Amino acid sequence: MVPSDQLRNRTVGSKVTESEYARLAAIAERKGVTLGEWCREVLLASTNDSQKVAATTAEQALLAEVVALRTILLNALYKLAPQEDLTDRDLDRLIERADKDRFQRARERLAAAANEGKL
């Protein structure tokens, strides 16, 4: 809701193709808002540096996989450093442990980076 002393009286526009328009309208519809409202939200969110940057689902999934791989690698190297054997069972446990909390750790890293102004 816009405060009464701040009327929306300026317009920002862009030309899009029919297929681009259909894609944008579909996203707005899924969000339950008009296309104009959705566009305004996206534009304002992208210009507001103080607003927490939200990573896309794909970015979160990719970071989660990188975090899991990092965990597996570091644990494997830690085990191999004192010349211990790394069995298939050990590696399976490392993978299971890394996969268990990878999304939570990815979200934590994204939030930390956003708070530090790196995103």
Protein backbone atom coordinates (compact mmCIF):
# COMPACT_ATOMS: atom_id res chain seq x y z
CA MET A 1 0.00 0.00 0.00
CA VAL A 2 1.36 3.39 -0.99
CA PRO A 3 1.22 6.17 1.63
CA SER A 4 -1.21 8.92 0.65
CA ASP A 5 1.59 11.50 0.46
CA GLN A 6 3.49 9.36 -2.07
CA LEU A 7 1.32 8.90 -5.13
CA ARG A 8 2.65 6.81 -7.94
CA ASN A 9 2.65 9.30 -10.77
CA ARG A 10 5.70 8.27 -12.82
CA THR A 11 5.81 5.54 -15.44
CA VAL A 12 8.60 3.21 -16.48
CA GLY A 13 8.04 1.16 -19.60
CA SER A 14 9.67 -1.36 -21.86
CA LYS A 15 8.79 -3.01 -25.15
CA VAL A 16 8.65 -6.80 -25.17
CA THR A 17 7.69 -9.45 -27.70
CA GLU A 18 4.41 -11.35 -27.47
CA SER A 19 6.18 -14.43 -26.10
CA GLU A 20 8.13 -12.37 -23.55
CA TYR A 21 4.91 -10.69 -22.46
CA ALA A 22 3.22 -14.07 -22.06
CA ARG A 23 6.11 -15.34 -19.90
CA LEU A 24 6.05 -12.24 -17.71
CA ALA A 25 2.27 -12.32 -17.36
CA ALA A 26 2.39 -16.00 -16.38
CA ILE A 27 4.89 -15.28 -13.61
CA ALA A 28 2.77 -12.43 -12.27
CA GLU A 29 -0.33 -14.62 -12.39
CA ARG A 30 1.44 -17.37 -10.42
CA LYS A 31 2.39 -14.74 -7.83
CA GLY A 32 -1.24 -13.57 -7.67
CA VAL A 33 -0.52 -9.98 -8.69
CA THR A 34 -1.01 -7.90 -11.78
CA LEU A 35 1.80 -7.72 -14.30
CA GLY A 36 2.40 -4.07 -13.42
CA GLU A 37 2.64 -4.83 -9.70
CA TRP A 38 5.03 -7.70 -10.32
CA CYS A 39 7.24 -5.57 -12.59
CA ARG A 40 7.34 -2.79 -9.99
CA GLU A 41 8.34 -5.26 -7.25
CA VAL A 42 11.12 -6.74 -9.40
CA LEU A 43 12.45 -3.34 -10.47
CA LEU A 44 12.46 -1.92 -6.96
CA ALA A 45 13.99 -5.05 -5.46
CA SER A 46 16.85 -4.91 -7.96
CA THR A 47 17.67 -1.30 -7.10
CA ASN A 48 17.43 -1.48 -3.34
CA ASP A 49 20.95 -2.25 -2.08
CA SER A 50 19.77 -2.48 1.52
CA GLN A 51 17.26 -5.18 0.63
CA LYS A 52 18.51 -8.71 1.09
CA VAL A 53 19.35 -10.24 -2.28
CA ALA A 54 17.38 -13.38 -2.90
CA ALA A 55 19.15 -16.07 -4.88
CA THR A 56 17.15 -17.97 -7.44
CA THR A 57 16.30 -21.59 -6.81
CA ALA A 58 18.88 -22.61 -9.41
CA GLU A 59 21.56 -20.49 -7.72
CA GLN A 60 20.71 -21.99 -4.34
CA ALA A 61 20.86 -25.52 -5.76
CA LEU A 62 24.18 -24.84 -7.45
CA LEU A 63 25.70 -23.35 -4.32
CA ALA A 64 24.36 -26.26 -2.26
CA GLU A 65 26.13 -28.71 -4.57
CA VAL A 66 29.39 -26.73 -4.38
CA VAL A 67 29.15 -26.64 -0.59
CA ALA A 68 28.54 -30.40 -0.50
CA LEU A 69 31.48 -31.08 -2.82
CA ARG A 70 33.69 -28.85 -0.69
CA THR A 71 32.67 -30.79 2.41
CA ILE A 72 33.40 -34.13 0.75
CA LEU A 73 36.77 -32.96 -0.56
CA LEU A 74 37.92 -31.43 2.71
CA ASN A 75 36.87 -34.46 4.74
CA ALA A 76 38.49 -36.84 2.27
CA LEU A 77 41.74 -34.86 2.31
CA TYR A 78 41.65 -34.68 6.09
CA LYS A 79 41.33 -38.46 6.26
CA LEU A 80 44.05 -39.04 3.66
CA ALA A 81 46.53 -36.59 5.20
CA PRO A 82 47.67 -38.97 7.98
CA GLN A 83 47.99 -41.75 5.36
CA GLU A 84 44.73 -43.43 6.35
CA ASP A 85 42.77 -45.48 3.85
CA LEU A 86 39.60 -43.93 2.46
CA THR A 87 37.19 -46.79 1.91
CA ASP A 88 34.07 -46.76 -0.24
CA ARG A 89 32.05 -46.87 2.95
CA ASP A 90 33.91 -43.81 4.31
CA LEU A 91 33.25 -41.91 1.10
CA ASP A 92 29.57 -42.89 1.13
CA ARG A 93 29.27 -41.54 4.69
CA LEU A 94 31.01 -38.29 3.68
CA ILE A 95 28.63 -37.85 0.77
CA GLU A 96 25.59 -38.60 2.90
CA ARG A 97 26.71 -36.12 5.56
CA ALA A 98 27.47 -33.43 2.99
CA ASP A 99 24.12 -33.92 1.23
CA LYS A 100 22.13 -33.83 4.46
CA ASP A 101 22.62 -30.17 5.23
CA ARG A 102 23.88 -28.67 1.97
CA PHE A 103 20.84 -26.45 1.36
CA GLN A 104 20.88 -25.05 4.87
CA ARG A 105 24.57 -24.25 4.61
CA ALA A 106 24.07 -22.71 1.16
CA ARG A 107 21.32 -20.43 2.55
CA GLU A 108 23.59 -19.46 5.45
CA ARG A 109 26.43 -18.58 3.06
CA LEU A 110 24.09 -16.56 0.82
CA ALA A 111 22.74 -14.67 3.83
CA ALA A 112 26.24 -13.98 5.15
CA ALA A 113 27.38 -12.71 1.75
CA ALA A 114 24.30 -10.48 1.46
CA ASN A 115 24.91 -9.06 4.93
CA GLU A 116 28.53 -8.30 4.02
CA GLY A 117 27.39 -6.54 0.85
CA LYS A 118 29.03 -9.08 -1.46
CA LEU A 119 25.78 -9.86 -3.28
